[in-house]
Amino acid sequence: MSCCPACDAEIDVDEFDVDRDDELSCPECGTNLVVASVAPVALAPSPGESEGWPGDEQEEAKPFH
């Protein structure tokens, strides 16, 4: 079992059915995920997918005067 990094839902992924960099979708929240490692299976957000996650707030750039 692997966990979705966005919602912590358990995702049943067989390490023999996936390769590194395969893309998946979380059945609970719909986040696009990528297989970061195979043994054990670890999932990471697809590039650009993590924008807007809680805790990822960045300070807005302030204009230079």
PDB file of N, CA and C in Angstrom:
ATOM      1  N   MET A   1       0.830  -1.193   0.000  1.00  0.00           N
ATOM      2  CA  MET A   1       0.000   0.000   0.000  1.00  0.00           C
ATOM      3  C   MET A   1       0.872   1.253   0.000  1.00  0.00           C
ATOM      4  N   SER A   2       0.465   2.205  -0.769  1.00  0.00           N
ATOM      5  CA  SER A   2       1.111   3.509  -0.786  1.00  0.00           C
ATOM      6  C   SER A   2       0.073   4.539  -0.384  1.00  0.00           C
ATOM      7  N   CYS A   3       0.531   5.711  -0.003  1.00  0.00           N
ATOM      8  CA  CYS A   3      -0.385   6.778   0.401  1.00  0.00           C
ATOM      9  C   CYS A   3      -0.292   7.947  -0.562  1.00  0.00           C
ATOM     10  N   CYS A   4      -1.428   8.561  -0.819  1.00  0.00           N
ATOM     11  CA  CYS A   4      -1.476   9.767  -1.634  1.00  0.00           C
ATOM     12  C   CYS A   4      -0.857  10.903  -0.824  1.00  0.00           C
ATOM     13  N   PRO A   5       0.126  11.611  -1.379  1.00  0.00           N
ATOM     14  CA  PRO A   5       0.736  12.704  -0.627  1.00  0.00           C
ATOM     15  C   PRO A   5      -0.194  13.905  -0.434  1.00  0.00           C
ATOM     16  N   ALA A   6      -1.301  13.967  -1.175  1.00  0.00           N
ATOM     17  CA  ALA A   6      -2.216  15.097  -1.045  1.00  0.00           C
ATOM     18  C   ALA A   6      -3.282  14.863   0.023  1.00  0.00           C
ATOM     19  N   CYS A   7      -3.853  13.633   0.045  1.00  0.00           N
ATOM     20  CA  CYS A   7      -4.967  13.402   0.967  1.00  0.00           C
ATOM     21  C   CYS A   7      -4.738  12.231   1.917  1.00  0.00           C
ATOM     22  N   ASP A   8      -3.594  11.581   1.832  1.00  0.00           N
ATOM     23  CA  ASP A   8      -3.228  10.448   2.681  1.00  0.00           C
ATOM     24  C   ASP A   8      -4.102   9.213   2.492  1.00  0.00           C
ATOM     25  N   ALA A   9      -4.845   9.144   1.394  1.00  0.00           N
ATOM     26  CA  ALA A   9      -5.636   7.946   1.109  1.00  0.00           C
ATOM     27  C   ALA A   9      -4.689   6.804   0.750  1.00  0.00           C
ATOM     28  N   GLU A  10      -5.040   5.596   1.183  1.00  0.00           N
ATOM     29  CA  GLU A  10      -4.231   4.437   0.836  1.00  0.00           C
ATOM     30  C   GLU A  10      -4.549   4.018  -0.592  1.00  0.00           C
ATOM     31  N   ILE A  11      -3.493   3.807  -1.385  1.00  0.00           N
ATOM     32  CA  ILE A  11      -3.639   3.409  -2.774  1.00  0.00           C
ATOM     33  C   ILE A  11      -2.926   2.078  -2.948  1.00  0.00           C
ATOM     34  N   ASP A  12      -3.660   1.077  -3.428  1.00  0.00           N
ATOM     35  CA  ASP A  12      -3.095  -0.256  -3.619  1.00  0.00           C
ATOM     36  C   ASP A  12      -2.368  -0.282  -4.965  1.00  0.00           C
ATOM     37  N   VAL A  13      -1.045  -0.274  -4.911  1.00  0.00           N
ATOM     38  CA  VAL A  13      -0.221  -0.299  -6.113  1.00  0.00           C
ATOM     39  C   VAL A  13       0.729  -1.481  -5.992  1.00  0.00           C
ATOM     40  N   ASP A  14       0.673  -2.388  -6.972  1.00  0.00           N
ATOM     41  CA  ASP A  14       1.555  -3.548  -6.996  1.00  0.00           C
ATOM     42  C   ASP A  14       2.877  -3.139  -7.636  1.00  0.00           C
ATOM     43  N   GLU A  15       3.993  -3.328  -6.918  1.00  0.00           N
ATOM     44  CA  GLU A  15       5.298  -2.904  -7.431  1.00  0.00           C
ATOM     45  C   GLU A  15       5.671  -3.620  -8.722  1.00  0.00           C
ATOM     46  N   PHE A  16       5.015  -4.742  -9.029  1.00  0.00           N
ATOM     47  CA  PHE A  16       5.305  -5.472 -10.264  1.00  0.00           C
ATOM     48  C   PHE A  16       4.485  -4.944 -11.443  1.00  0.00           C
ATOM     49  N   ASP A  17       3.491  -4.106 -11.168  1.00  0.00           N
ATOM     50  CA  ASP A  17       2.640  -3.556 -12.227  1.00  0.00           C
ATOM     51  C   ASP A  17       3.005  -2.137 -12.630  1.00  0.00           C
ATOM     52  N   VAL A  18       3.946  -1.513 -11.934  1.00  0.00           N
ATOM     53  CA  VAL A  18       4.317  -0.134 -12.248  1.00  0.00           C
ATOM     54  C   VAL A  18       5.825  -0.010 -12.447  1.00  0.00           C
ATOM     55  N   ASP A  19       6.202   1.026 -13.150  1.00  0.00           N
ATOM     56  CA  ASP A  19       7.602   1.388 -13.324  1.00  0.00           C
ATOM     57  C   ASP A  19       7.803   2.789 -12.776  1.00  0.00           C
ATOM     58  N   ARG A  20       9.045   3.116 -12.493  1.00  0.00           N
ATOM     59  CA  ARG A  20       9.361   4.470 -12.023  1.00  0.00           C
ATOM     60  C   ARG A  20       8.914   5.476 -13.079  1.00  0.00           C
ATOM     61  N   ASP A  21       8.366   6.579 -12.659  1.00  0.00           N
ATOM     62  CA  ASP A  21       7.859   7.674 -13.494  1.00  0.00           C
ATOM     63  C   ASP A  21       6.518   7.379 -14.165  1.00  0.00           C
ATOM     64  N   ASP A  22       5.874   6.224 -13.854  1.00  0.00           N
ATOM     65  CA  ASP A  22       4.509   5.993 -14.334  1.00  0.00           C
ATOM     66  C   ASP A  22       3.594   7.002 -13.657  1.00  0.00           C
ATOM     67  N   GLU A  23       2.534   7.404 -14.341  1.00  0.00           N
ATOM     68  CA  GLU A  23       1.589   8.355 -13.774  1.00  0.00           C
ATOM     69  C   GLU A  23       0.313   7.641 -13.364  1.00  0.00           C
ATOM     70  N   LEU A  24      -0.193   8.021 -12.211  1.00  0.00           N
ATOM     71  CA  LEU A  24      -1.425   7.468 -11.648  1.00  0.00           C
ATOM     72  C   LEU A  24      -2.309   8.614 -11.199  1.00  0.00           C
ATOM     73  N   SER A  25      -3.522   8.279 -10.820  1.00  0.00           N
ATOM     74  CA  SER A  25      -4.436   9.273 -10.287  1.00  0.00           C
ATOM     75  C   SER A  25      -4.997   8.732  -8.980  1.00  0.00           C
ATOM     76  N   CYS A  26      -5.079   9.566  -7.964  1.00  0.00           N
ATOM     77  CA  CYS A  26      -5.639   9.154  -6.678  1.00  0.00           C
ATOM     78  C   CYS A  26      -7.144   8.952  -6.841  1.00  0.00           C
ATOM     79  N   PRO A  27      -7.650   7.774  -6.475  1.00  0.00           N
ATOM     80  CA  PRO A  27      -9.090   7.543  -6.602  1.00  0.00           C
ATOM     81  C   PRO A  27      -9.939   8.374  -5.633  1.00  0.00           C
ATOM     82  N   GLU A  28      -9.334   8.876  -4.557  1.00  0.00           N
ATOM     83  CA  GLU A  28     -10.074   9.661  -3.572  1.00  0.00           C
ATOM     84  C   GLU A  28     -10.167  11.141  -3.945  1.00  0.00           C
ATOM     85  N   CYS A  29      -9.013  11.766  -4.238  1.00  0.00           N
ATOM     86  CA  CYS A  29      -9.012  13.214  -4.467  1.00  0.00           C
ATOM     87  C   CYS A  29      -8.739  13.605  -5.921  1.00  0.00           C
ATOM     88  N   GLY A  30      -8.315  12.629  -6.755  1.00  0.00           N
ATOM     89  CA  GLY A  30      -8.090  12.912  -8.166  1.00  0.00           C
ATOM     90  C   GLY A  30      -6.747  13.532  -8.486  1.00  0.00           C
ATOM     91  N   THR A  31      -5.866  13.671  -7.506  1.00  0.00           N
ATOM     92  CA  THR A  31      -4.555  14.255  -7.739  1.00  0.00           C
ATOM     93  C   THR A  31      -3.746  13.376  -8.690  1.00  0.00           C
ATOM     94  N   ASN A  32      -3.077  13.994  -9.648  1.00  0.00           N
ATOM     95  CA  ASN A  32      -2.184  13.265 -10.536  1.00  0.00           C
ATOM     96  C   ASN A  32      -0.897  12.977  -9.791  1.00  0.00           C
ATOM     97  N   LEU A  33      -0.483  11.706  -9.816  1.00  0.00           N
ATOM     98  CA  LEU A  33       0.689  11.261  -9.081  1.00  0.00           C
ATOM     99  C   LEU A  33       1.671  10.600 -10.023  1.00  0.00           C
ATOM    100  N   VAL A  34       2.920  10.546  -9.603  1.00  0.00           N
ATOM    101  CA  VAL A  34       3.962   9.862 -10.353  1.00  0.00           C
ATOM    102  C   VAL A  34       4.633   8.869  -9.408  1.00  0.00           C
ATOM    103  N   VAL A  35       5.033   7.713  -9.938  1.00  0.00           N
ATOM    104  CA  VAL A  35       5.718   6.709  -9.133  1.00  0.00           C
ATOM    105  C   VAL A  35       7.162   7.178  -8.958  1.00  0.00           C
ATOM    106  N   ALA A  36       7.526   7.513  -7.726  1.00  0.00           N
ATOM    107  CA  ALA A  36       8.865   8.029  -7.433  1.00  0.00           C
ATOM    108  C   ALA A  36       9.860   6.898  -7.230  1.00  0.00           C
ATOM    109  N   SER A  37       9.413   5.783  -6.661  1.00  0.00           N
ATOM    110  CA  SER A  37      10.264   4.600  -6.504  1.00  0.00           C
ATOM    111  C   SER A  37       9.379   3.366  -6.548  1.00  0.00           C
ATOM    112  N   VAL A  38      10.003   2.222  -6.863  1.00  0.00           N
ATOM    113  CA  VAL A  38       9.228   1.013  -7.066  1.00  0.00           C
ATOM    114  C   VAL A  38       9.297   0.056  -5.876  1.00  0.00           C
ATOM    115  N   ALA A  39      10.445  -0.064  -5.243  1.00  0.00           N
ATOM    116  CA  ALA A  39      10.581  -1.020  -4.140  1.00  0.00           C
ATOM    117  C   ALA A  39      11.117  -0.319  -2.907  1.00  0.00           C
ATOM    118  N   PRO A  40      10.306   0.110  -1.989  1.00  0.00           N
ATOM    119  CA  PRO A  40       8.851   0.059  -1.990  1.00  0.00           C
ATOM    120  C   PRO A  40       8.263   1.148  -2.884  1.00  0.00           C
ATOM    121  N   VAL A  41       7.013   0.961  -3.255  1.00  0.00           N
ATOM    122  CA  VAL A  41       6.345   1.940  -4.116  1.00  0.00           C
ATOM    123  C   VAL A  41       6.134   3.227  -3.326  1.00  0.00           C
ATOM    124  N   ALA A  42       6.618   4.320  -3.878  1.00  0.00           N
ATOM    125  CA  ALA A  42       6.428   5.648  -3.284  1.00  0.00           C
ATOM    126  C   ALA A  42       5.834   6.553  -4.349  1.00  0.00           C
ATOM    127  N   LEU A  43       4.833   7.316  -3.971  1.00  0.00           N
ATOM    128  CA  LEU A  43       4.151   8.210  -4.900  1.00  0.00           C
ATOM    129  C   LEU A  43       4.474   9.658  -4.572  1.00  0.00           C
ATOM    130  N   ALA A  44       4.552  10.470  -5.617  1.00  0.00           N
ATOM    131  CA  ALA A  44       4.811  11.902  -5.467  1.00  0.00           C
ATOM    132  C   ALA A  44       3.854  12.647  -6.399  1.00  0.00           C
ATOM    133  N   PRO A  45       3.570  13.904  -6.114  1.00  0.00           N
ATOM    134  CA  PRO A  45       2.713  14.669  -7.020  1.00  0.00           C
ATOM    135  C   PRO A  45       3.395  14.841  -8.366  1.00  0.00           C
ATOM    136  N   SER A  46       2.618  14.831  -9.433  1.00  0.00           N
ATOM    137  CA  SER A  46       3.161  15.113 -10.757  1.00  0.00           C
ATOM    138  C   SER A  46       3.657  16.548 -10.777  1.00  0.00           C
ATOM    139  N   PRO A  47       4.639  16.849 -11.609  1.00  0.00           N
ATOM    140  CA  PRO A  47       5.143  18.232 -11.673  1.00  0.00           C
ATOM    141  C   PRO A  47       4.002  19.222 -11.921  1.00  0.00           C
ATOM    142  N   GLY A  48       3.959  20.264 -11.106  1.00  0.00           N
ATOM    143  CA  GLY A  48       2.923  21.289 -11.229  1.00  0.00           C
ATOM    144  C   GLY A  48       1.642  20.952 -10.502  1.00  0.00           C
ATOM    145  N   GLU A  49       1.479  19.715 -10.052  1.00  0.00           N
ATOM    146  CA  GLU A  49       0.242  19.292  -9.387  1.00  0.00           C
ATOM    147  C   GLU A  49       0.155  19.780  -7.958  1.00  0.00           C
ATOM    148  N   SER A  50       1.290  20.005  -7.290  1.00  0.00           N
ATOM    149  CA  SER A  50       1.262  20.349  -5.871  1.00  0.00           C
ATOM    150  C   SER A  50       0.879  21.798  -5.614  1.00  0.00           C
ATOM    151  N   GLU A  51       0.731  22.599  -6.659  1.00  0.00           N
ATOM    152  CA  GLU A  51       0.358  23.995  -6.446  1.00  0.00           C
ATOM    153  C   GLU A  51      -1.009  24.083  -5.788  1.00  0.00           C
ATOM    154  N   GLY A  52      -1.091  24.864  -4.742  1.00  0.00           N
ATOM    155  CA  GLY A  52      -2.357  25.088  -4.077  1.00  0.00           C
ATOM    156  C   GLY A  52      -2.657  24.128  -2.942  1.00  0.00           C
ATOM    157  N   TRP A  53      -1.729  23.246  -2.613  1.00  0.00           N
ATOM    158  CA  TRP A  53      -1.953  22.345  -1.485  1.00  0.00           C
ATOM    159  C   TRP A  53      -1.839  23.139  -0.205  1.00  0.00           C
ATOM    160  N   PRO A  54      -2.594  22.790   0.805  1.00  0.00           N
ATOM    161  CA  PRO A  54      -2.460  23.470   2.090  1.00  0.00           C
ATOM    162  C   PRO A  54      -1.034  23.349   2.614  1.00  0.00           C
ATOM    163  N   GLY A  55      -0.511  24.432   3.134  1.00  0.00           N
ATOM    164  CA  GLY A  55       0.857  24.430   3.649  1.00  0.00           C
ATOM    165  C   GLY A  55       1.888  24.827   2.620  1.00  0.00           C
ATOM    166  N   ASP A  56       1.463  24.951   1.360  1.00  0.00           N
ATOM    167  CA  ASP A  56       2.398  25.312   0.296  1.00  0.00           C
ATOM    168  C   ASP A  56       2.330  26.798  -0.034  1.00  0.00           C
ATOM    169  N   GLU A  57       1.715  27.583   0.843  1.00  0.00           N
ATOM    170  CA  GLU A  57       1.574  28.999   0.552  1.00  0.00           C
ATOM    171  C   GLU A  57       2.951  29.654   0.445  1.00  0.00           C
ATOM    172  N   GLN A  58       3.097  30.480  -0.551  1.00  0.00           N
ATOM    173  CA  GLN A  58       4.335  31.225  -0.715  1.00  0.00           C
ATOM    174  C   GLN A  58       4.001  32.700  -0.598  1.00  0.00           C
ATOM    175  N   GLU A  59       4.975  33.456  -0.108  1.00  0.00           N
ATOM    176  CA  GLU A  59       4.749  34.884  -0.008  1.00  0.00           C
ATOM    177  C   GLU A  59       4.632  35.482  -1.391  1.00  0.00           C
ATOM    178  N   GLU A  60       3.683  36.377  -1.533  1.00  0.00           N
ATOM    179  CA  GLU A  60       3.498  37.046  -2.802  1.00  0.00           C
ATOM    180  C   GLU A  60       4.645  38.025  -3.013  1.00  0.00           C
ATOM    181  N   ALA A  61       5.161  38.069  -4.228  1.00  0.00           N
ATOM    182  CA  ALA A  61       6.265  38.980  -4.533  1.00  0.00           C
ATOM    183  C   ALA A  61       5.778  40.421  -4.388  1.00  0.00           C
ATOM    184  N   LYS A  62       6.570  41.222  -3.702  1.00  0.00           N
ATOM    185  CA  LYS A  62       6.204  42.608  -3.502  1.00  0.00           C
ATOM    186  C   LYS A  62       6.979  43.464  -4.501  1.00  0.00           C
ATOM    187  N   PRO A  63       6.315  44.435  -5.082  1.00  0.00           N
ATOM    188  CA  PRO A  63       6.998  45.281  -6.063  1.00  0.00           C
ATOM    189  C   PRO A  63       8.122  46.079  -5.393  1.00  0.00           C
ATOM    190  N   PHE A  64       9.181  46.255  -6.130  1.00  0.00           N
ATOM    191  CA  PHE A  64      10.318  47.019  -5.657  1.00  0.00           C
ATOM    192  C   PHE A  64      10.080  48.492  -5.948  1.00  0.00           C
ATOM    193  N   HIS A  65      10.239  49.333  -4.930  1.00  0.00           N
ATOM    194  CA  HIS A  65      10.037  50.791  -5.117  1.00  0.00           C
ATOM    195  C   HIS A  65      11.344  51.506  -5.039  1.00  0.00           C
TER     196      HIS A  65
END
